[in-house]
């Protein structure tokens, strides 16, 4: 992983649930990590499986390794939310490849 390619600022968020003053459960997204990522467009295979949705709705973010990232989390990049659909470890705790779809 080359540090020069990690140019895009991102935030990783997970869904947290709190109880409001009225006693109702409220779900909100809370940021637990921020950093820089390399943004890649999704490959042709992802484009073909979206059945015409367009490649701008799929992306691959490459980040340095952060423990605990799951598909239940999301990425916020340039004010746009991305749902993580797959997490792949690069090397042995060197980095993560996060495949995401626009929310």
PDB file of N, CA and C in Angstrom:
ATOM      1  N   UNK A   1       0.841  -1.161   0.000  1.00  0.00           N
ATOM      2  CA  UNK A   1       0.000   0.000   0.000  1.00  0.00           C
ATOM      3  C   UNK A   1       0.893   1.233   0.000  1.00  0.00           C
ATOM      4  N   UNK A   2       0.650   2.135  -0.941  1.00  0.00           N
ATOM      5  CA  UNK A   2       1.450   3.343  -1.051  1.00  0.00           C
ATOM      6  C   UNK A   2       0.732   4.509  -0.383  1.00  0.00           C
ATOM      7  N   UNK A   3       1.418   5.183   0.522  1.00  0.00           N
ATOM      8  CA  UNK A   3       0.811   6.286   1.272  1.00  0.00           C
ATOM      9  C   UNK A   3       0.358   7.418   0.354  1.00  0.00           C
ATOM     10  N   UNK A   4       1.040   7.634  -0.754  1.00  0.00           N
ATOM     11  CA  UNK A   4       0.682   8.707  -1.672  1.00  0.00           C
ATOM     12  C   UNK A   4      -0.668   8.525  -2.336  1.00  0.00           C
ATOM     13  N   UNK A   5      -1.151   7.291  -2.399  1.00  0.00           N
ATOM     14  CA  UNK A   5      -2.448   7.027  -3.015  1.00  0.00           C
ATOM     15  C   UNK A   5      -3.612   7.231  -2.043  1.00  0.00           C
ATOM     16  N   UNK A   6      -3.315   7.331  -0.757  1.00  0.00           N
ATOM     17  CA  UNK A   6      -4.365   7.515   0.245  1.00  0.00           C
ATOM     18  C   UNK A   6      -4.685   9.008   0.346  1.00  0.00           C
ATOM     19  N   UNK A   7      -5.496   9.499  -0.587  1.00  0.00           N
ATOM     20  CA  UNK A   7      -5.745  10.931  -0.687  1.00  0.00           C
ATOM     21  C   UNK A   7      -7.151  11.351  -0.278  1.00  0.00           C
ATOM     22  N   UNK A   8      -8.093  10.428  -0.232  1.00  0.00           N
ATOM     23  CA  UNK A   8      -9.486  10.777   0.016  1.00  0.00           C
ATOM     24  C   UNK A   8      -9.822  10.695   1.503  1.00  0.00           C
ATOM     25  N   UNK A   9     -10.275  11.789   2.128  1.00  0.00           N
ATOM     26  CA  UNK A   9     -10.659  11.720   3.547  1.00  0.00           C
ATOM     27  C   UNK A   9     -11.995  10.985   3.707  1.00  0.00           C
ATOM     28  N   UNK A  10     -12.044  10.060   4.664  1.00  0.00           N
ATOM     29  CA  UNK A  10     -13.271   9.300   4.919  1.00  0.00           C
ATOM     30  C   UNK A  10     -13.521   9.207   6.416  1.00  0.00           C
ATOM     31  N   UNK A  11     -14.744   8.834   6.752  1.00  0.00           N
ATOM     32  CA  UNK A  11     -15.121   8.518   8.126  1.00  0.00           C
ATOM     33  C   UNK A  11     -15.807   7.162   8.120  1.00  0.00           C
ATOM     34  N   UNK A  12     -15.510   6.346   9.117  1.00  0.00           N
ATOM     35  CA  UNK A  12     -16.197   5.072   9.295  1.00  0.00           C
ATOM     36  C   UNK A  12     -17.202   5.252  10.421  1.00  0.00           C
ATOM     37  N   UNK A  13     -18.429   4.809  10.174  1.00  0.00           N
ATOM     38  CA  UNK A  13     -19.497   4.979  11.151  1.00  0.00           C
ATOM     39  C   UNK A  13     -20.197   3.659  11.412  1.00  0.00           C
ATOM     40  N   UNK A  14     -20.716   3.506  12.640  1.00  0.00           N
ATOM     41  CA  UNK A  14     -21.552   2.352  12.951  1.00  0.00           C
ATOM     42  C   UNK A  14     -22.865   2.851  13.540  1.00  0.00           C
ATOM     43  N   UNK A  15     -23.882   2.029  13.431  1.00  0.00           N
ATOM     44  CA  UNK A  15     -25.214   2.381  13.899  1.00  0.00           C
ATOM     45  C   UNK A  15     -25.272   2.206  15.404  1.00  0.00           C
ATOM     46  N   UNK A  16     -25.681   3.259  16.083  1.00  0.00           N
ATOM     47  CA  UNK A  16     -25.824   3.161  17.534  1.00  0.00           C
ATOM     48  C   UNK A  16     -27.262   3.525  17.899  1.00  0.00           C
ATOM     49  N   UNK A  17     -27.725   2.940  18.970  1.00  0.00           N
ATOM     50  CA  UNK A  17     -29.108   3.151  19.399  1.00  0.00           C
ATOM     51  C   UNK A  17     -29.108   3.812  20.776  1.00  0.00           C
ATOM     52  N   UNK A  18     -29.849   4.896  20.889  1.00  0.00           N
ATOM     53  CA  UNK A  18     -29.988   5.586  22.163  1.00  0.00           C
ATOM     54  C   UNK A  18     -31.465   5.711  22.495  1.00  0.00           C
ATOM     55  N   UNK A  19     -31.756   6.014  23.736  1.00  0.00           N
ATOM     56  CA  UNK A  19     -33.132   6.188  24.171  1.00  0.00           C
ATOM     57  C   UNK A  19     -33.384   7.680  24.372  1.00  0.00           C
ATOM     58  N   UNK A  20     -34.424   8.190  23.705  1.00  0.00           N
ATOM     59  CA  UNK A  20     -34.740   9.611  23.819  1.00  0.00           C
ATOM     60  C   UNK A  20     -35.415   9.896  25.159  1.00  0.00           C
ATOM     61  N   UNK A  21     -35.625  11.165  25.448  1.00  0.00           N
ATOM     62  CA  UNK A  21     -36.263  11.558  26.701  1.00  0.00           C
ATOM     63  C   UNK A  21     -37.687  11.018  26.812  1.00  0.00           C
ATOM     64  N   UNK A  22     -38.335  10.810  25.665  1.00  0.00           N
ATOM     65  CA  UNK A  22     -39.698  10.286  25.683  1.00  0.00           C
ATOM     66  C   UNK A  22     -39.738   8.764  25.819  1.00  0.00           C
ATOM     67  N   UNK A  23     -38.570   8.132  25.818  1.00  0.00           N
ATOM     68  CA  UNK A  23     -38.506   6.680  25.998  1.00  0.00           C
ATOM     69  C   UNK A  23     -38.449   5.877  24.716  1.00  0.00           C
ATOM     70  N   UNK A  24     -38.400   6.536  23.561  1.00  0.00           N
ATOM     71  CA  UNK A  24     -38.318   5.835  22.278  1.00  0.00           C
ATOM     72  C   UNK A  24     -36.860   5.571  21.902  1.00  0.00           C
ATOM     73  N   UNK A  25     -36.635   4.469  21.247  1.00  0.00           N
ATOM     74  CA  UNK A  25     -35.291   4.141  20.760  1.00  0.00           C
ATOM     75  C   UNK A  25     -35.025   4.930  19.490  1.00  0.00           C
ATOM     76  N   UNK A  26     -33.867   5.592  19.453  1.00  0.00           N
ATOM     77  CA  UNK A  26     -33.472   6.396  18.300  1.00  0.00           C
ATOM     78  C   UNK A  26     -32.163   5.843  17.766  1.00  0.00           C
ATOM     79  N   UNK A  27     -32.146   5.546  16.458  1.00  0.00           N
ATOM     80  CA  UNK A  27     -30.937   5.027  15.840  1.00  0.00           C
ATOM     81  C   UNK A  27     -30.203   6.156  15.130  1.00  0.00           C
ATOM     82  N   UNK A  28     -28.916   6.289  15.399  1.00  0.00           N
ATOM     83  CA  UNK A  28     -28.085   7.308  14.752  1.00  0.00           C
ATOM     84  C   UNK A  28     -26.757   6.695  14.351  1.00  0.00           C
ATOM     85  N   UNK A  29     -26.104   7.318  13.383  1.00  0.00           N
ATOM     86  CA  UNK A  29     -24.789   6.878  12.942  1.00  0.00           C
ATOM     87  C   UNK A  29     -23.734   7.643  13.718  1.00  0.00           C
ATOM     88  N   UNK A  30     -22.798   6.928  14.307  1.00  0.00           N
ATOM     89  CA  UNK A  30     -21.731   7.535  15.096  1.00  0.00           C
ATOM     90  C   UNK A  30     -20.375   7.219  14.460  1.00  0.00           C
ATOM     91  N   UNK A  31     -19.545   8.229  14.293  1.00  0.00           N
ATOM     92  CA  UNK A  31     -18.210   8.057  13.710  1.00  0.00           C
ATOM     93  C   UNK A  31     -17.281   7.425  14.747  1.00  0.00           C
ATOM     94  N   UNK A  32     -16.607   6.332  14.361  1.00  0.00           N
ATOM     95  CA  UNK A  32     -15.649   5.697  15.267  1.00  0.00           C
ATOM     96  C   UNK A  32     -14.226   5.729  14.736  1.00  0.00           C
ATOM     97  N   UNK A  33     -14.044   6.117  13.479  1.00  0.00           N
ATOM     98  CA  UNK A  33     -12.695   6.233  12.921  1.00  0.00           C
ATOM     99  C   UNK A  33     -12.733   7.172  11.720  1.00  0.00           C
ATOM    100  N   UNK A  34     -11.643   7.872  11.531  1.00  0.00           N
ATOM    101  CA  UNK A  34     -11.517   8.710  10.337  1.00  0.00           C
ATOM    102  C   UNK A  34     -10.083   8.595   9.840  1.00  0.00           C
ATOM    103  N   UNK A  35      -9.903   8.846   8.578  1.00  0.00           N
ATOM    104  CA  UNK A  35      -8.578   8.731   7.996  1.00  0.00           C
ATOM    105  C   UNK A  35      -8.624   8.986   6.511  1.00  0.00           C
ATOM    106  N   UNK A  36      -7.653   8.453   5.815  1.00  0.00           N
ATOM    107  CA  UNK A  36      -7.556   8.642   4.376  1.00  0.00           C
ATOM    108  C   UNK A  36      -7.639   7.297   3.668  1.00  0.00           C
ATOM    109  N   UNK A  37      -8.167   7.341   2.448  1.00  0.00           N
ATOM    110  CA  UNK A  37      -8.359   6.115   1.678  1.00  0.00           C
ATOM    111  C   UNK A  37      -7.996   6.345   0.216  1.00  0.00           C
ATOM    112  N   UNK A  38      -7.724   5.250  -0.456  1.00  0.00           N
ATOM    113  CA  UNK A  38      -7.596   5.272  -1.911  1.00  0.00           C
ATOM    114  C   UNK A  38      -8.954   4.861  -2.459  1.00  0.00           C
ATOM    115  N   UNK A  39      -9.512   5.668  -3.334  1.00  0.00           N
ATOM    116  CA  UNK A  39     -10.820   5.379  -3.910  1.00  0.00           C
ATOM    117  C   UNK A  39     -10.640   4.810  -5.297  1.00  0.00           C
ATOM    118  N   UNK A  40     -11.187   3.616  -5.498  1.00  0.00           N
ATOM    119  CA  UNK A  40     -11.133   2.968  -6.804  1.00  0.00           C
ATOM    120  C   UNK A  40     -12.567   2.762  -7.289  1.00  0.00           C
ATOM    121  N   UNK A  41     -12.764   2.866  -8.565  1.00  0.00           N
ATOM    122  CA  UNK A  41     -14.074   2.527  -9.116  1.00  0.00           C
ATOM    123  C   UNK A  41     -14.209   1.018  -9.103  1.00  0.00           C
ATOM    124  N   UNK A  42     -15.442   0.538  -8.962  1.00  0.00           N
ATOM    125  CA  UNK A  42     -15.683  -0.903  -8.938  1.00  0.00           C
ATOM    126  C   UNK A  42     -15.344  -1.505 -10.288  1.00  0.00           C
ATOM    127  N   UNK A  43     -14.998  -2.778 -10.284  1.00  0.00           N
ATOM    128  CA  UNK A  43     -14.627  -3.475 -11.503  1.00  0.00           C
ATOM    129  C   UNK A  43     -15.814  -3.800 -12.386  1.00  0.00           C
ATOM    130  N   UNK A  44     -15.532  -4.402 -13.522  1.00  0.00           N
ATOM    131  CA  UNK A  44     -16.570  -4.737 -14.495  1.00  0.00           C
ATOM    132  C   UNK A  44     -17.543  -5.757 -13.930  1.00  0.00           C
ATOM    133  N   UNK A  45     -17.073  -6.712 -13.135  1.00  0.00           N
ATOM    134  CA  UNK A  45     -17.980  -7.739 -12.605  1.00  0.00           C
ATOM    135  C   UNK A  45     -19.040  -7.127 -11.700  1.00  0.00           C
ATOM    136  N   UNK A  46     -18.667  -6.121 -10.894  1.00  0.00           N
ATOM    137  CA  UNK A  46     -19.657  -5.452 -10.056  1.00  0.00           C
ATOM    138  C   UNK A  46     -20.634  -4.664 -10.922  1.00  0.00           C
ATOM    139  N   UNK A  47     -20.146  -4.080 -12.013  1.00  0.00           N
ATOM    140  CA  UNK A  47     -21.010  -3.311 -12.896  1.00  0.00           C
ATOM    141  C   UNK A  47     -22.054  -4.216 -13.541  1.00  0.00           C
ATOM    142  N   UNK A  48     -21.627  -5.389 -13.954  1.00  0.00           N
ATOM    143  CA  UNK A  48     -22.557  -6.291 -14.632  1.00  0.00           C
ATOM    144  C   UNK A  48     -23.596  -6.867 -13.678  1.00  0.00           C
ATOM    145  N   UNK A  49     -23.266  -7.016 -12.411  1.00  0.00           N
ATOM    146  CA  UNK A  49     -24.222  -7.592 -11.470  1.00  0.00           C
ATOM    147  C   UNK A  49     -25.217  -6.574 -10.924  1.00  0.00           C
ATOM    148  N   UNK A  50     -25.046  -5.288 -11.239  1.00  0.00           N
ATOM    149  CA  UNK A  50     -25.991  -4.290 -10.741  1.00  0.00           C
ATOM    150  C   UNK A  50     -27.180  -4.117 -11.663  1.00  0.00           C
ATOM    151  N   UNK A  51     -27.192  -4.802 -12.790  1.00  0.00           N
ATOM    152  CA  UNK A  51     -28.316  -4.767 -13.725  1.00  0.00           C
ATOM    153  C   UNK A  51     -28.654  -3.352 -14.163  1.00  0.00           C
ATOM    154  N   UNK A  52     -27.635  -2.628 -14.605  1.00  0.00           N
ATOM    155  CA  UNK A  52     -27.854  -1.331 -15.207  1.00  0.00           C
ATOM    156  C   UNK A  52     -27.926  -0.150 -14.265  1.00  0.00           C
ATOM    157  N   UNK A  53     -27.577  -0.300 -13.019  1.00  0.00           N
ATOM    158  CA  UNK A  53     -27.646   0.819 -12.087  1.00  0.00           C
ATOM    159  C   UNK A  53     -26.569   1.862 -12.336  1.00  0.00           C
ATOM    160  N   UNK A  54     -25.504   1.517 -12.969  1.00  0.00           N
ATOM    161  CA  UNK A  54     -24.433   2.486 -13.216  1.00  0.00           C
ATOM    162  C   UNK A  54     -23.291   2.290 -12.243  1.00  0.00           C
ATOM    163  N   UNK A  55     -22.099   2.483 -12.735  1.00  0.00           N
ATOM    164  CA  UNK A  55     -20.911   2.182 -11.954  1.00  0.00           C
ATOM    165  C   UNK A  55     -20.635   3.226 -10.872  1.00  0.00           C
ATOM    166  N   UNK A  56     -21.268   4.386 -10.925  1.00  0.00           N
ATOM    167  CA  UNK A  56     -21.020   5.406  -9.914  1.00  0.00           C
ATOM    168  C   UNK A  56     -21.622   5.031  -8.569  1.00  0.00           C
ATOM    169  N   UNK A  57     -22.461   4.009  -8.527  1.00  0.00           N
ATOM    170  CA  UNK A  57     -23.060   3.570  -7.269  1.00  0.00           C
ATOM    171  C   UNK A  57     -22.206   2.539  -6.544  1.00  0.00           C
ATOM    172  N   UNK A  58     -21.109   2.102  -7.145  1.00  0.00           N
ATOM    173  CA  UNK A  58     -20.217   1.112  -6.547  1.00  0.00           C
ATOM    174  C   UNK A  58     -18.811   1.689  -6.456  1.00  0.00           C
ATOM    175  N   UNK A  59     -18.132   1.379  -5.366  1.00  0.00           N
ATOM    176  CA  UNK A  59     -16.753   1.855  -5.211  1.00  0.00           C
ATOM    177  C   UNK A  59     -15.985   0.909  -4.309  1.00  0.00           C
ATOM    178  N   UNK A  60     -14.671   0.991  -4.383  1.00  0.00           N
ATOM    179  CA  UNK A  60     -13.787   0.226  -3.522  1.00  0.00           C
ATOM    180  C   UNK A  60     -12.882   1.226  -2.804  1.00  0.00           C
ATOM    181  N   UNK A  61     -12.890   1.176  -1.483  1.00  0.00           N
ATOM    182  CA  UNK A  61     -12.038   2.040  -0.671  1.00  0.00           C
ATOM    183  C   UNK A  61     -10.928   1.176  -0.076  1.00  0.00           C
ATOM    184  N   UNK A  62      -9.683   1.600  -0.237  1.00  0.00           N
ATOM    185  CA  UNK A  62      -8.542   0.902   0.349  1.00  0.00           C
ATOM    186  C   UNK A  62      -8.021   1.786   1.477  1.00  0.00           C
ATOM    187  N   UNK A  63      -7.977   1.233   2.697  1.00  0.00           N
ATOM    188  CA  UNK A  63      -7.550   1.987   3.870  1.00  0.00           C
ATOM    189  C   UNK A  63      -6.496   1.198   4.642  1.00  0.00           C
ATOM    190  N   UNK A  64      -5.819   1.871   5.533  1.00  0.00           N
ATOM    191  CA  UNK A  64      -4.926   1.165   6.459  1.00  0.00           C
ATOM    192  C   UNK A  64      -5.779   0.325   7.394  1.00  0.00           C
ATOM    193  N   UNK A  65      -5.211  -0.718   7.960  1.00  0.00           N
ATOM    194  CA  UNK A  65      -5.955  -1.675   8.782  1.00  0.00           C
ATOM    195  C   UNK A  65      -6.519  -1.007  10.033  1.00  0.00           C
ATOM    196  N   UNK A  66      -7.809  -1.220  10.256  1.00  0.00           N
ATOM    197  CA  UNK A  66      -8.504  -0.754  11.460  1.00  0.00           C
ATOM    198  C   UNK A  66      -9.266  -1.962  11.998  1.00  0.00           C
ATOM    199  N   UNK A  67      -9.121  -2.300  13.281  1.00  0.00           N
ATOM    200  CA  UNK A  67      -9.838  -3.465  13.807  1.00  0.00           C
ATOM    201  C   UNK A  67     -11.338  -3.197  13.933  1.00  0.00           C
ATOM    202  N   UNK A  68     -12.131  -4.226  13.700  1.00  0.00           N
ATOM    203  CA  UNK A  68     -13.560  -4.163  13.963  1.00  0.00           C
ATOM    204  C   UNK A  68     -14.438  -3.628  12.851  1.00  0.00           C
ATOM    205  N   UNK A  69     -13.927  -3.432  11.655  1.00  0.00           N
ATOM    206  CA  UNK A  69     -14.758  -2.951  10.548  1.00  0.00           C
ATOM    207  C   UNK A  69     -15.596  -4.118  10.034  1.00  0.00           C
ATOM    208  N   UNK A  70     -16.914  -3.921   9.927  1.00  0.00           N
ATOM    209  CA  UNK A  70     -17.816  -4.974   9.461  1.00  0.00           C
ATOM    210  C   UNK A  70     -18.738  -4.438   8.376  1.00  0.00           C
ATOM    211  N   UNK A  71     -19.530  -5.326   7.794  1.00  0.00           N
ATOM    212  CA  UNK A  71     -20.491  -4.922   6.764  1.00  0.00           C
ATOM    213  C   UNK A  71     -21.695  -4.186   7.357  1.00  0.00           C
ATOM    214  N   UNK A  72     -21.808  -4.139   8.663  1.00  0.00           N
ATOM    215  CA  UNK A  72     -22.878  -3.368   9.305  1.00  0.00           C
ATOM    216  C   UNK A  72     -22.516  -1.887   9.387  1.00  0.00           C
ATOM    217  N   UNK A  73     -21.266  -1.528   9.064  1.00  0.00           N
ATOM    218  CA  UNK A  73     -20.801  -0.146   9.139  1.00  0.00           C
ATOM    219  C   UNK A  73     -21.028   0.553   7.807  1.00  0.00           C
ATOM    220  N   UNK A  74     -20.727   1.850   7.790  1.00  0.00           N
ATOM    221  CA  UNK A  74     -20.790   2.609   6.545  1.00  0.00           C
ATOM    222  C   UNK A  74     -19.633   3.585   6.477  1.00  0.00           C
ATOM    223  N   UNK A  75     -19.389   4.079   5.261  1.00  0.00           N
ATOM    224  CA  UNK A  75     -18.333   5.039   4.989  1.00  0.00           C
ATOM    225  C   UNK A  75     -18.994   6.352   4.585  1.00  0.00           C
ATOM    226  N   UNK A  76     -18.459   7.456   5.085  1.00  0.00           N
ATOM    227  CA  UNK A  76     -18.900   8.773   4.620  1.00  0.00           C
ATOM    228  C   UNK A  76     -17.716   9.410   3.903  1.00  0.00           C
ATOM    229  N   UNK A  77     -17.930   9.717   2.623  1.00  0.00           N
ATOM    230  CA  UNK A  77     -16.885  10.318   1.802  1.00  0.00           C
ATOM    231  C   UNK A  77     -17.502  11.471   1.008  1.00  0.00           C
ATOM    232  N   UNK A  78     -16.945  12.650   1.154  1.00  0.00           N
ATOM    233  CA  UNK A  78     -17.398  13.844   0.435  1.00  0.00           C
ATOM    234  C   UNK A  78     -18.894  14.096   0.648  1.00  0.00           C
ATOM    235  N   UNK A  79     -19.358  13.871   1.868  1.00  0.00           N
ATOM    236  CA  UNK A  79     -20.758  14.125   2.193  1.00  0.00           C
ATOM    237  C   UNK A  79     -21.727  13.055   1.730  1.00  0.00           C
ATOM    238  N   UNK A  80     -21.221  11.971   1.158  1.00  0.00           N
ATOM    239  CA  UNK A  80     -22.062  10.892   0.645  1.00  0.00           C
ATOM    240  C   UNK A  80     -21.840   9.630   1.475  1.00  0.00           C
ATOM    241  N   UNK A  81     -22.918   8.958   1.831  1.00  0.00           N
ATOM    242  CA  UNK A  81     -22.821   7.729   2.626  1.00  0.00           C
ATOM    243  C   UNK A  81     -22.716   6.516   1.708  1.00  0.00           C
ATOM    244  N   UNK A  82     -21.864   5.582   2.089  1.00  0.00           N
ATOM    245  CA  UNK A  82     -21.642   4.340   1.346  1.00  0.00           C
ATOM    246  C   UNK A  82     -21.818   3.167   2.306  1.00  0.00           C
ATOM    247  N   UNK A  83     -22.683   2.221   1.972  1.00  0.00           N
ATOM    248  CA  UNK A  83     -22.871   1.011   2.776  1.00  0.00           C
ATOM    249  C   UNK A  83     -21.801  -0.007   2.400  1.00  0.00           C
ATOM    250  N   UNK A  84     -21.120  -0.549   3.389  1.00  0.00           N
ATOM    251  CA  UNK A  84     -20.073  -1.539   3.140  1.00  0.00           C
ATOM    252  C   UNK A  84     -20.734  -2.890   2.880  1.00  0.00           C
ATOM    253  N   UNK A  85     -20.379  -3.528   1.752  1.00  0.00           N
ATOM    254  CA  UNK A  85     -20.953  -4.825   1.407  1.00  0.00           C
ATOM    255  C   UNK A  85     -19.942  -5.957   1.511  1.00  0.00           C
ATOM    256  N   UNK A  86     -18.642  -5.638   1.538  1.00  0.00           N
ATOM    257  CA  UNK A  86     -17.616  -6.670   1.681  1.00  0.00           C
ATOM    258  C   UNK A  86     -16.352  -6.049   2.267  1.00  0.00           C
ATOM    259  N   UNK A  87     -15.699  -6.813   3.134  1.00  0.00           N
ATOM    260  CA  UNK A  87     -14.449  -6.386   3.762  1.00  0.00           C
ATOM    261  C   UNK A  87     -13.400  -7.457   3.490  1.00  0.00           C
ATOM    262  N   UNK A  88     -12.269  -7.054   2.905  1.00  0.00           N
ATOM    263  CA  UNK A  88     -11.176  -7.992   2.645  1.00  0.00           C
ATOM    264  C   UNK A  88      -9.896  -7.437   3.256  1.00  0.00           C
ATOM    265  N   UNK A  89      -9.196  -8.280   4.005  1.00  0.00           N
ATOM    266  CA  UNK A  89      -7.947  -7.869   4.635  1.00  0.00           C
ATOM    267  C   UNK A  89      -6.818  -7.944   3.619  1.00  0.00           C
ATOM    268  N   UNK A  90      -5.955  -6.924   3.615  1.00  0.00           N
ATOM    269  CA  UNK A  90      -4.793  -6.884   2.734  1.00  0.00           C
ATOM    270  C   UNK A  90      -3.576  -7.228   3.580  1.00  0.00           C
ATOM    271  N   UNK A  91      -2.891  -8.281   3.214  1.00  0.00           N
ATOM    272  CA  UNK A  91      -1.729  -8.697   3.982  1.00  0.00           C
ATOM    273  C   UNK A  91      -2.136  -9.123   5.384  1.00  0.00           C
ATOM    274  N   UNK A  92      -1.189  -9.030   6.286  1.00  0.00           N
ATOM    275  CA  UNK A  92      -1.476  -9.382   7.678  1.00  0.00           C
ATOM    276  C   UNK A  92      -1.573  -8.089   8.473  1.00  0.00           C
ATOM    277  N   UNK A  93      -2.787  -7.601   8.593  1.00  0.00           N
ATOM    278  CA  UNK A  93      -3.091  -6.342   9.284  1.00  0.00           C
ATOM    279  C   UNK A  93      -2.371  -5.145   8.665  1.00  0.00           C
ATOM    280  N   UNK A  94      -2.242  -5.150   7.332  1.00  0.00           N
ATOM    281  CA  UNK A  94      -1.638  -4.002   6.647  1.00  0.00           C
ATOM    282  C   UNK A  94      -2.713  -3.036   6.188  1.00  0.00           C
ATOM    283  N   UNK A  95      -3.813  -3.564   5.694  1.00  0.00           N
ATOM    284  CA  UNK A  95      -4.854  -2.701   5.162  1.00  0.00           C
ATOM    285  C   UNK A  95      -6.146  -3.455   4.970  1.00  0.00           C
ATOM    286  N   UNK A  96      -7.186  -2.707   4.568  1.00  0.00           N
ATOM    287  CA  UNK A  96      -8.491  -3.285   4.300  1.00  0.00           C
ATOM    288  C   UNK A  96      -8.982  -2.779   2.951  1.00  0.00           C
ATOM    289  N   UNK A  97      -9.648  -3.661   2.228  1.00  0.00           N
ATOM    290  CA  UNK A  97     -10.319  -3.283   1.001  1.00  0.00           C
ATOM    291  C   UNK A  97     -11.812  -3.338   1.292  1.00  0.00           C
ATOM    292  N   UNK A  98     -12.470  -2.193   1.216  1.00  0.00           N
ATOM    293  CA  UNK A  98     -13.886  -2.105   1.554  1.00  0.00           C
ATOM    294  C   UNK A  98     -14.687  -1.876   0.275  1.00  0.00           C
ATOM    295  N   UNK A  99     -15.487  -2.855  -0.100  1.00  0.00           N
ATOM    296  CA  UNK A  99     -16.377  -2.698  -1.252  1.00  0.00           C
ATOM    297  C   UNK A  99     -17.662  -2.079  -0.735  1.00  0.00           C
ATOM    298  N   UNK A 100     -18.114  -1.031  -1.427  1.00  0.00           N
ATOM    299  CA  UNK A 100     -19.257  -0.284  -0.910  1.00  0.00           C
ATOM    300  C   UNK A 100     -20.230   0.092  -2.037  1.00  0.00           C
ATOM    301  N   UNK A 101     -21.477   0.302  -1.638  1.00  0.00           N
ATOM    302  CA  UNK A 101     -22.538   0.750  -2.534  1.00  0.00           C
ATOM    303  C   UNK A 101     -23.102   2.052  -1.968  1.00  0.00           C
ATOM    304  N   UNK A 102     -23.430   2.982  -2.840  1.00  0.00           N
ATOM    305  CA  UNK A 102     -23.985   4.254  -2.385  1.00  0.00           C
ATOM    306  C   UNK A 102     -25.306   4.015  -1.662  1.00  0.00           C
ATOM    307  N   UNK A 103     -25.469   4.696  -0.544  1.00  0.00           N
ATOM    308  CA  UNK A 103     -26.683   4.536   0.263  1.00  0.00           C
ATOM    309  C   UNK A 103     -27.825   5.347  -0.306  1.00  0.00           C
TER     310      UNK A 103
END
